Protein backbone atom coordinates (compact mmCIF):
# COMPACT_ATOMS: atom_id res chain seq x y z
CA MET A 1 15.81 -22.52 0.38
CA LYS A 2 12.59 -21.69 2.26
CA SER A 3 10.17 -19.30 0.60
CA ILE A 4 7.49 -16.94 1.91
CA VAL A 5 4.93 -14.70 0.26
CA PHE A 6 3.92 -11.49 2.03
CA PHE A 7 0.60 -9.98 0.95
CA CYS A 8 0.62 -6.25 1.76
CA PRO A 9 -1.53 -4.45 -0.87
CA THR A 10 -1.76 -1.29 1.18
CA SER A 11 -2.54 2.29 0.25
CA THR A 12 -1.20 3.63 3.58
CA TRP A 13 2.34 3.64 5.00
CA GLY A 14 2.47 3.04 8.73
CA GLY A 15 3.68 0.78 11.52
CA VAL A 16 2.49 -2.47 9.95
CA GLU A 17 4.23 -1.73 6.67
CA LYS A 18 7.46 -0.78 8.46
CA ASN A 19 7.24 -4.03 10.41
CA ILE A 20 6.86 -6.05 7.20
CA LYS A 21 9.85 -4.28 5.68
CA LEU A 22 11.97 -5.12 8.72
CA ARG A 23 10.95 -8.78 8.66
CA ILE A 24 11.72 -9.05 4.95
CA GLU A 25 15.18 -7.56 5.52
CA PHE A 26 16.25 -10.13 8.08
CA LEU A 27 14.64 -13.05 6.19
CA LEU A 28 16.68 -12.12 3.12
CA ASP A 29 19.78 -12.08 5.31
CA MET A 30 18.87 -15.61 6.41
CA ASP A 31 18.70 -16.77 2.79
CA TYR A 32 14.91 -16.98 2.48
CA GLU A 33 13.30 -16.50 -0.90
CA VAL A 34 10.87 -13.63 -0.29
CA HIS A 35 7.94 -12.57 -2.46
CA LEU A 36 5.93 -9.42 -1.76
CA VAL A 37 2.52 -8.50 -3.20
CA LEU A 38 1.83 -4.74 -3.36
CA LEU A 39 -0.75 -2.53 -5.01
CA LYS A 40 0.51 -1.30 -8.36
CA GLY A 41 2.33 2.02 -8.12
CA LEU A 42 2.48 2.18 -4.31
CA PHE A 43 5.53 1.88 -2.04
CA GLN A 44 7.85 0.11 -4.50
CA LYS A 45 10.67 2.46 -3.48
CA GLU A 46 10.18 1.64 0.20
CA PHE A 47 10.58 -2.06 -0.58
CA ASP A 48 13.39 -1.73 -3.12
CA PHE A 49 15.76 -4.34 -1.63
CA LYS A 50 17.82 -5.09 -4.76
CA HIS A 51 18.41 -8.63 -3.51
CA LYS A 52 18.61 -11.73 -5.70
CA ASN A 53 16.13 -13.58 -3.47
CA PHE A 54 13.53 -10.80 -3.40
CA ASN A 55 10.62 -10.75 -5.85
CA LEU A 56 7.99 -8.01 -6.13
CA HIS A 57 4.51 -8.69 -7.51
CA GLN A 58 2.04 -5.88 -8.23
CA VAL A 59 -1.75 -6.14 -8.35
CA SER A 60 -4.16 -3.53 -9.67
CA SER A 61 -6.71 -4.02 -6.87
CA ARG A 62 -7.04 -5.98 -3.64
CA GLY A 63 -10.66 -7.02 -4.23
CA GLY A 64 -13.57 -7.64 -1.88
CA ASP A 65 -14.50 -10.72 0.10
CA LEU A 66 -15.94 -12.64 -2.87
CA ASN A 67 -13.74 -11.34 -5.68
CA LEU A 68 -13.12 -14.50 -7.69
CA VAL A 69 -10.77 -12.68 -10.09
CA VAL A 70 -8.42 -11.79 -7.22
CA VAL A 71 -8.67 -15.30 -5.74
CA SER A 72 -7.85 -16.83 -9.11
CA ARG A 73 -4.86 -14.50 -9.50
CA TYR A 74 -3.56 -15.25 -6.01
CA VAL A 75 -4.02 -19.03 -6.40
CA LYS A 76 -2.14 -18.97 -9.70
CA LEU A 77 0.70 -16.98 -8.11
CA LEU A 78 0.95 -19.29 -5.08
CA LYS A 79 0.88 -22.46 -7.17
CA LYS A 80 3.74 -21.06 -9.25
CA ILE A 81 5.88 -20.05 -6.27
CA LYS A 82 4.93 -22.98 -3.97
CA PRO A 83 5.94 -21.18 -0.76
CA GLU A 84 6.15 -22.84 2.64
CA ILE A 85 4.50 -19.78 4.26
CA VAL A 86 1.88 -17.23 3.25
CA PHE A 87 1.70 -14.05 5.36
CA SER A 88 -1.20 -11.58 5.19
CA ALA A 89 -0.18 -8.26 6.72
CA LEU A 90 -3.56 -6.52 6.72
CA LYS A 91 -6.88 -7.62 8.22
CA LYS A 92 -8.78 -6.44 5.14
CA ASP A 93 -7.03 -9.17 3.10
CA TRP A 94 -7.29 -12.05 5.58
CA TRP A 95 -10.21 -13.81 3.93
CA LEU A 96 -9.05 -13.64 0.30
CA VAL A 97 -5.45 -14.54 1.12
CA SER A 98 -6.40 -17.42 3.41
CA LEU A 99 -8.88 -18.82 0.88
CA SER A 100 -6.31 -18.52 -1.91
CA ALA A 101 -3.62 -20.22 0.17
CA TYR A 102 -6.04 -23.03 1.07
CA LEU A 103 -6.99 -23.59 -2.58
CA ALA A 104 -3.31 -23.52 -3.56
CA GLY A 105 -2.50 -26.22 -1.00
CA ILE A 106 -0.32 -24.05 1.25
CA ILE A 107 -0.10 -25.52 4.75
CA LYS A 108 1.02 -22.52 6.83
CA THR A 109 -0.88 -19.25 6.58
CA ILE A 110 -0.18 -16.42 9.03
CA LEU A 111 -2.46 -13.43 9.56
CA TYR A 112 -0.93 -10.35 11.17
CA LEU A 113 -2.81 -8.05 13.54
CA GLY A 114 -0.76 -5.12 14.80
CA ILE A 115 -3.58 -3.01 16.23
CA SER A 116 -6.77 -3.64 18.17
CA ARG A 117 -9.50 -4.31 15.60
CA LYS A 118 -12.83 -6.01 16.07
CA ILE A 119 -13.14 -9.43 14.43
CA SER A 120 -16.87 -9.66 13.81
CA LYS A 121 -18.86 -12.79 14.62
CA SER A 122 -19.83 -13.32 11.00
CA ILE A 123 -20.00 -16.45 8.85
CA LYS A 124 -16.93 -15.19 6.98
CA TYR A 125 -14.69 -15.23 10.04
CA TYR A 126 -16.28 -18.43 11.35
CA LEU A 127 -15.33 -20.20 8.11
CA LEU A 128 -11.93 -18.53 8.11
CA PHE A 129 -10.89 -19.83 11.53
CA LYS A 130 -12.87 -23.10 11.62
CA GLN A 131 -12.24 -24.34 8.09
CA LEU A 132 -9.15 -22.57 6.72
CA ARG A 133 -7.40 -22.56 10.14
CA PRO A 134 -4.73 -19.91 9.73
CA GLU A 135 -2.52 -18.76 12.59
CA ILE A 136 -2.58 -15.20 13.92
CA LEU A 137 0.49 -13.16 14.83
CA VAL A 138 0.04 -10.24 17.24
CA ASN A 139 2.46 -7.87 18.96
CA SER A 140 1.15 -7.89 22.55
CA HIS A 141 -0.38 -10.31 25.04
CA SER A 142 -3.21 -7.88 25.78
CA LEU A 143 -4.18 -7.90 22.10
CA LYS A 144 -4.16 -11.72 22.07
CA LYS A 145 -6.33 -11.79 25.18
CA ARG A 146 -8.80 -9.36 23.62
CA ILE A 147 -9.32 -11.20 20.32
CA CYS A 148 -9.61 -14.62 22.00
CA ALA A 149 -12.16 -13.24 24.47
CA GLN A 150 -14.20 -11.67 21.67
CA ASN A 151 -14.19 -14.77 19.44
CA ASN A 152 -14.52 -18.20 21.04
CA TRP A 153 -13.78 -19.92 17.72
CA ILE A 154 -10.22 -18.54 17.75
CA PRO A 155 -8.24 -20.96 19.97
CA PRO A 156 -5.45 -19.33 22.01
CA HIS A 157 -2.86 -21.80 20.70
CA LYS A 158 -3.47 -20.40 17.20
CA VAL A 159 -2.48 -16.87 18.29
CA LYS A 160 1.24 -16.18 18.62
CA VAL A 161 2.67 -13.14 20.40
CA ILE A 162 5.96 -11.70 19.12
CA TYR A 163 6.94 -8.24 20.31
CA ASN A 164 8.19 -5.78 17.71
CA GLY A 165 11.96 -5.43 17.96
CA PHE A 166 14.15 -2.35 18.35
CA GLN A 167 17.84 -1.55 18.33
CA LEU A 168 19.09 0.55 21.20
CA PRO A 169 20.27 3.91 19.75
CA ALA A 170 23.27 5.93 20.89
CA ARG A 171 22.46 8.67 23.39
CA PRO A 172 22.46 12.15 21.78
CA LYS A 173 25.00 14.75 22.88
CA SER A 174 23.68 17.97 24.44
CA ASP A 175 25.25 20.07 21.65
CA ASP A 176 23.36 18.00 19.06
CA THR A 177 20.11 18.48 20.94
CA LEU A 178 20.48 22.28 20.95
CA ARG A 179 21.42 22.30 17.26
CA LEU A 180 18.41 20.17 16.31
CA ARG A 181 16.00 22.27 18.35
CA LYS A 182 17.22 25.31 16.46
CA GLN A 183 16.85 23.41 13.18
CA PHE A 184 13.22 22.55 14.05
CA ASN A 185 12.51 26.14 15.25
CA ILE A 186 11.89 24.95 18.82
CA PRO A 187 12.79 27.48 21.57
CA LYS A 188 15.75 26.12 23.52
CA ASN A 189 14.43 26.82 27.03
CA VAL A 190 11.07 25.05 26.76
CA ASN A 191 10.03 21.56 27.80
CA LEU A 192 9.24 19.63 24.65
CA VAL A 193 6.60 16.88 24.49
CA GLY A 194 6.82 14.61 21.47
CA CYS A 195 4.08 12.69 19.70
CA ALA A 196 4.19 10.81 16.42
CA GLY A 197 1.82 9.00 14.10
CA ARG A 198 -0.87 9.44 11.48
CA PHE A 199 -3.42 12.22 11.73
CA SER A 200 -6.42 9.95 12.30
CA ALA A 201 -9.19 9.59 14.88
CA GLN A 202 -7.42 6.50 16.21
CA LYS A 203 -4.27 8.42 17.19
CA GLY A 204 -6.06 11.14 19.15
CA PHE A 205 -4.12 14.19 17.97
CA ASP A 206 -7.38 16.15 17.82
CA GLN A 207 -6.87 16.44 21.60
CA LEU A 208 -3.62 18.44 21.38
CA VAL A 209 -5.25 21.86 21.73
CA SER A 210 -7.15 20.75 24.84
CA ILE A 211 -4.00 19.26 26.37
CA ALA A 212 -1.95 22.39 25.61
CA SER A 213 -4.62 24.57 27.21
CA LEU A 214 -4.10 22.73 30.50
CA THR A 215 -0.30 23.04 30.57
CA ALA A 216 2.09 25.92 31.27
CA PRO A 217 3.34 28.27 28.50
CA ASN A 218 6.87 26.80 28.73
CA ILE A 219 5.59 23.38 27.63
CA HIS A 220 5.59 22.89 23.87
CA PHE A 221 4.49 19.99 21.67
CA ALA A 222 6.17 18.56 18.54
CA HIS A 223 4.41 16.17 16.17
CA VAL A 224 5.81 14.03 13.37
CA GLY A 225 3.55 12.42 10.78
CA SER A 226 0.84 12.96 8.19
CA GLY A 227 -2.60 11.53 7.50
CA PRO A 228 -6.23 12.03 6.46
CA LEU A 229 -7.15 14.46 9.27
CA GLU A 230 -4.00 16.58 8.86
CA ASP A 231 -5.70 19.69 7.46
CA GLU A 232 -8.51 19.54 10.01
CA ILE A 233 -6.20 19.18 13.03
CA LYS A 234 -3.72 21.80 11.82
CA SER A 235 -6.58 24.23 11.22
CA GLN A 236 -7.84 23.59 14.74
CA VAL A 237 -4.38 24.39 16.14
CA LEU A 238 -3.89 27.52 14.00
CA GLN A 239 -7.20 28.92 15.22
CA SER A 240 -6.26 28.35 18.86
CA PRO A 241 -4.22 30.53 21.27
CA TYR A 242 -1.67 27.68 21.44
CA LYS A 243 -0.53 27.70 17.80
CA ASN A 244 2.98 28.87 18.78
CA ARG A 245 3.37 25.98 21.23
CA ILE A 246 2.35 23.12 18.92
CA HIS A 247 4.93 22.42 16.22
CA PHE A 248 4.20 20.21 13.21
CA LEU A 249 7.49 18.88 11.85
CA GLY A 250 6.08 16.95 8.90
CA THR A 251 6.95 13.43 7.81
CA PHE A 252 10.33 11.96 8.71
CA LYS A 253 12.09 9.02 7.14
CA HIS A 254 12.43 6.21 9.65
CA THR A 255 16.21 6.72 9.66
CA ASP A 256 15.72 10.38 10.64
CA MET A 257 13.46 9.71 13.63
CA ASN A 258 16.50 9.58 15.92
CA GLN A 259 16.83 13.34 15.47
CA PHE A 260 13.24 13.82 16.57
CA TYR A 261 13.54 11.69 19.72
CA SER A 262 16.83 13.32 20.69
CA VAL A 263 15.20 16.75 21.26
CA LEU A 264 12.34 15.55 23.50
CA ASP A 265 11.87 15.86 27.25
CA CYS A 266 8.96 13.42 27.35
CA PHE A 267 6.70 11.52 24.95
CA LEU A 268 2.90 11.34 24.75
CA LEU A 269 0.85 8.53 23.20
CA CYS A 270 -2.75 9.77 23.17
CA SER A 271 -4.18 6.96 21.03
CA ARG A 272 -7.65 5.50 21.27
CA ARG A 273 -6.63 2.10 19.80
CA GLU A 274 -3.30 0.30 19.40
CA GLY A 275 -1.70 -3.13 19.44
CA MET A 276 1.62 -2.01 20.80
CA ALA A 277 2.71 1.35 19.48
CA ASN A 278 6.21 1.30 17.94
CA VAL A 279 6.73 4.98 18.73
CA LEU A 280 6.36 4.30 22.45
CA ASN A 281 9.07 1.61 22.31
CA GLU A 282 11.29 3.90 20.26
CA ALA A 283 10.93 6.78 22.73
CA MET A 284 11.76 4.48 25.66
CA SER A 285 14.82 3.20 23.79
CA PHE A 286 16.14 6.77 24.02
CA GLY A 287 15.43 6.81 27.75
CA ILE A 288 12.58 9.32 27.29
CA PRO A 289 9.86 9.21 29.99
CA CYS A 290 6.48 8.36 28.47
CA ILE A 291 2.79 8.96 29.06
CA SER A 292 0.30 6.66 27.35
CA THR A 293 -3.39 6.00 27.27
CA LYS A 294 -4.40 2.53 28.43
CA VAL A 295 -4.54 1.04 24.95
CA ASP A 296 -3.56 -2.55 24.16
CA GLY A 297 0.16 -3.05 24.64
CA SER A 298 0.92 0.09 26.63
CA THR A 299 0.06 -1.30 30.07
CA GLU A 300 2.23 -4.29 29.16
CA LEU A 301 5.13 -2.18 27.90
CA LEU A 302 5.06 0.27 30.81
CA GLU A 303 4.60 -2.58 33.32
CA GLY A 304 1.37 -1.23 34.74
CA GLY A 305 2.81 2.23 35.40
CA LYS A 306 6.16 1.16 36.84
CA LEU A 307 8.04 2.43 33.77
CA GLY A 308 5.76 5.21 32.58
CA ILE A 309 2.49 7.01 33.26
CA LEU A 310 -0.81 5.46 32.18
CA VAL A 311 -4.03 7.45 31.77
CA GLU A 312 -7.52 6.61 30.58
CA ILE A 313 -8.35 7.03 26.90
CA ASN A 314 -9.52 10.60 26.08
CA ASP A 315 -8.58 11.82 29.59
CA VAL A 316 -6.95 15.10 28.52
CA ILE A 317 -6.92 16.42 32.10
CA ASN A 318 -4.67 13.64 33.35
CA MET A 319 -2.59 13.70 30.17
CA ALA A 320 -1.85 17.38 30.86
CA LYS A 321 -1.24 16.74 34.56
CA SER A 322 1.16 13.88 33.77
CA ILE A 323 3.09 16.05 31.31
CA THR A 324 3.37 18.77 33.95
CA ASP A 325 4.50 16.26 36.59
CA LEU A 326 7.28 15.00 34.32
CA CYS A 327 8.40 18.44 33.17
CA GLU A 328 8.53 19.74 36.74
CA ASN A 329 10.31 16.58 37.97
CA ARG A 330 7.53 15.66 40.37
CA ILE A 331 7.59 12.20 38.76
CA LYS A 332 10.83 10.69 37.49
CA PHE A 333 11.81 7.56 35.57
CA ALA A 334 15.42 6.45 35.34
CA SER A 335 16.56 6.85 31.75
CA GLU A 336 18.89 3.84 31.76
CA GLU A 337 16.19 1.65 33.28
CA LEU A 338 13.89 2.49 30.37
CA ARG A 339 16.61 1.72 27.83
CA ASN A 340 17.55 -1.53 29.55
CA HIS A 341 13.90 -2.58 29.58
CA ILE A 342 13.70 -2.22 25.79
CA ASP A 343 17.04 -3.94 25.23
CA LYS A 344 16.13 -6.87 27.47
CA ASN A 345 12.53 -7.46 26.43
CA TYR A 346 11.95 -5.81 23.03
CA SER A 347 15.22 -6.19 21.16
CA LEU A 348 15.50 -6.72 17.44
CA ARG A 349 17.50 -9.90 17.98
CA GLN A 350 14.66 -11.39 20.05
CA MET A 351 12.08 -10.53 17.41
CA ILE A 352 14.20 -12.12 14.68
CA ARG A 353 14.78 -15.29 16.68
CA SER A 354 11.11 -15.63 17.68
CA THR A 355 9.87 -14.93 14.16
CA VAL A 356 12.12 -17.55 12.56
CA GLU A 357 11.12 -20.12 15.20
CA PHE A 358 7.45 -19.38 14.52
CA PHE A 359 7.85 -19.53 10.74
CA GLU A 360 9.75 -22.80 10.87
CA ALA A 361 7.64 -24.54 13.53
């Protein structure tokens, strides 16, 4: 039985953590022995698999770059488990996890990068990639291109691209859509623009008031998520003339997101940084026309504008114009073509197959 240790000592629940949960689920189904390292007291319920081959390990802190106590703890754990693979889910832990795996004699270490982040040209990262030689897993070719261009000591053959995978959902019935709009207190005769993600500077939701100001009164916005800038952004909206057109629906369980997508007329990704945004894939899997800033992954996913509208980062004028064009049917995208694109190129089965091939190579 092959074994793998995932290091994910996170204090935030987001796309990376959901991705790790999904990978653990299918590895358990394939009879892997899976170990997961989490921060004590955080997200145990989200990773409660109740499977005989799943083992949870809790740590009190993740440590800094030279925290010998954490390294000693990790080395001891890895020597006890003797896994074939060590997987570090978060960039903040790359150095400590890679060093610990190296000292424990683990051959295959994988570092995950699911969003565009700068890898500084420091001695730490030079030693990491030149001496410890881990592999990097990313979720878009544009993200791979960026990190290899920024760091000439990261060879392209050490960076593997595997797209996040999605299951094609059933199309919602019109009666269900009306019922859910009523449930969410959304007027039934408006065009509804969806957006989802954490309230953070990265996601760009501080631009919603500006975008709403440039669109017609019959265009409303619905947001799902929470985050550190939640109070600030909500206050900004409540003090604006557009407070009745911007609806905050709170946090949804992943299994409930289908209800959210089923009430939308189009979807907006206004991010300033991404790898490849899961929410954009999910919206397309429902056949929803999408607008996205030109962040890593989006140009790839939308095929340069063939399957969606691309705008420059922070360009609220063209975001608003694109929303208006979609709502007024001046620009159209075939719903089934969007769904088929996801099913053909970003399916869950492809992600599973590619991940197992990569892990076992």
